[in-house]
Amino acid sequence: MGGYYIVFPKKLRIVSAVNALILIFMGFVFLQHTNVLNGLDFLSTNILVWAITIFLGLNTIANLISRSKKERLFMTPLSGFIFILCLFIALA
């Protein structure tokens, strides 16, 4: 989240918890899309997979320009790798 805080204030802790839930949902979307999980048949995953992939590409760029050195050095390669994996799945 930009590297502004060493310890998040209470509001940003709530935002982090919501982000964690969103990431779990994103994982379920990819599990559904790859037929590993079949419990969410009502989801049309094609558009969601592309939206998530684009989001991760933008997230990689945001990590690259972050003020936090740790975020640039650790999270940029991690999010870039995840973006490439998601792009591979989206194109398959």
Protein backbone atom coordinates (compact mmCIF):
# COMPACT_ATOMS: atom_id res chain seq x y z
CA MET A 1 0.00 0.00 0.00
CA GLY A 2 2.68 2.40 -1.03
CA GLY A 3 5.10 1.86 1.82
CA TYR A 4 3.94 4.91 3.76
CA TYR A 5 3.47 3.12 7.08
CA ILE A 6 5.58 0.66 9.02
CA VAL A 7 2.52 -0.33 11.10
CA PHE A 8 -0.86 0.20 9.44
CA PRO A 9 -3.42 2.40 11.14
CA LYS A 10 -6.71 0.71 12.04
CA LYS A 11 -8.49 1.82 8.83
CA LEU A 12 -5.77 0.38 6.63
CA ARG A 13 -5.89 -2.89 8.55
CA ILE A 14 -9.55 -3.13 7.58
CA VAL A 15 -8.63 -2.34 3.96
CA SER A 16 -5.99 -5.09 4.10
CA ALA A 17 -8.56 -7.59 5.38
CA VAL A 18 -10.92 -6.67 2.53
CA ASN A 19 -8.02 -7.02 0.08
CA ALA A 20 -7.34 -10.50 1.44
CA LEU A 21 -10.96 -11.50 0.82
CA ILE A 22 -10.75 -10.14 -2.72
CA LEU A 23 -7.58 -12.16 -3.33
CA ILE A 24 -9.30 -15.31 -2.07
CA PHE A 25 -12.21 -14.65 -4.46
CA MET A 26 -9.70 -14.17 -7.30
CA GLY A 27 -8.19 -17.54 -6.46
CA PHE A 28 -11.61 -19.18 -6.56
CA VAL A 29 -12.28 -17.61 -9.97
CA PHE A 30 -9.11 -19.14 -11.39
CA LEU A 31 -9.83 -22.51 -9.77
CA GLN A 32 -13.30 -22.44 -11.35
CA HIS A 33 -11.90 -21.33 -14.72
CA THR A 34 -9.38 -24.18 -14.79
CA ASN A 35 -12.02 -26.73 -13.66
CA VAL A 36 -10.18 -27.52 -10.44
CA LEU A 37 -13.24 -26.32 -8.51
CA ASN A 38 -16.80 -26.83 -9.71
CA GLY A 39 -18.85 -25.28 -6.92
CA LEU A 40 -19.23 -21.84 -8.52
CA ASP A 41 -20.92 -22.82 -11.77
CA PHE A 42 -22.98 -19.63 -11.82
CA LEU A 43 -19.81 -17.58 -12.44
CA SER A 44 -18.88 -16.74 -16.00
CA THR A 45 -15.14 -16.77 -15.51
CA ASN A 46 -13.82 -15.63 -18.91
CA ILE A 47 -14.37 -11.92 -18.30
CA LEU A 48 -13.33 -12.18 -14.64
CA VAL A 49 -10.06 -13.94 -15.54
CA TRP A 50 -9.16 -11.18 -18.01
CA ALA A 51 -10.14 -8.45 -15.54
CA ILE A 52 -7.98 -10.04 -12.83
CA THR A 53 -5.08 -10.49 -15.25
CA ILE A 54 -5.22 -6.83 -16.30
CA PHE A 55 -5.48 -5.79 -12.65
CA LEU A 56 -2.35 -7.81 -11.80
CA GLY A 57 -0.48 -6.21 -14.70
CA LEU A 58 -1.38 -2.76 -13.37
CA ASN A 59 -0.50 -3.91 -9.85
CA THR A 60 2.96 -4.92 -11.06
CA ILE A 61 3.50 -1.43 -12.48
CA ALA A 62 2.27 0.16 -9.24
CA ASN A 63 4.68 -1.98 -7.22
CA LEU A 64 7.51 -0.98 -9.54
CA ILE A 65 6.95 2.74 -8.88
CA SER A 66 6.25 2.37 -5.15
CA ARG A 67 8.14 4.53 -2.65
CA SER A 68 8.82 1.42 -0.57
CA LYS A 69 12.12 -0.25 -1.46
CA LYS A 70 10.91 -3.58 -0.03
CA GLU A 71 7.76 -3.41 -2.14
CA ARG A 72 9.77 -2.69 -5.29
CA LEU A 73 12.32 -5.43 -4.64
CA PHE A 74 10.00 -8.18 -3.41
CA MET A 75 6.45 -7.49 -4.57
CA THR A 76 7.26 -6.35 -8.13
CA PRO A 77 8.83 -9.67 -9.20
CA LEU A 78 6.17 -11.63 -7.31
CA SER A 79 3.22 -9.77 -8.85
CA GLY A 80 4.94 -9.85 -12.25
CA PHE A 81 5.33 -13.62 -12.04
CA ILE A 82 1.70 -14.03 -10.97
CA PHE A 83 0.63 -11.74 -13.83
CA ILE A 84 2.50 -13.94 -16.33
CA LEU A 85 0.88 -17.08 -14.90
CA CYS A 86 -2.58 -15.48 -15.08
CA LEU A 87 -1.92 -14.32 -18.63
CA PHE A 88 -0.94 -17.88 -19.57
CA ILE A 89 -4.21 -19.20 -18.12
CA ALA A 90 -6.28 -16.43 -19.74
CA LEU A 91 -4.79 -17.18 -23.17
CA ALA A 92 -5.19 -20.97 -22.83
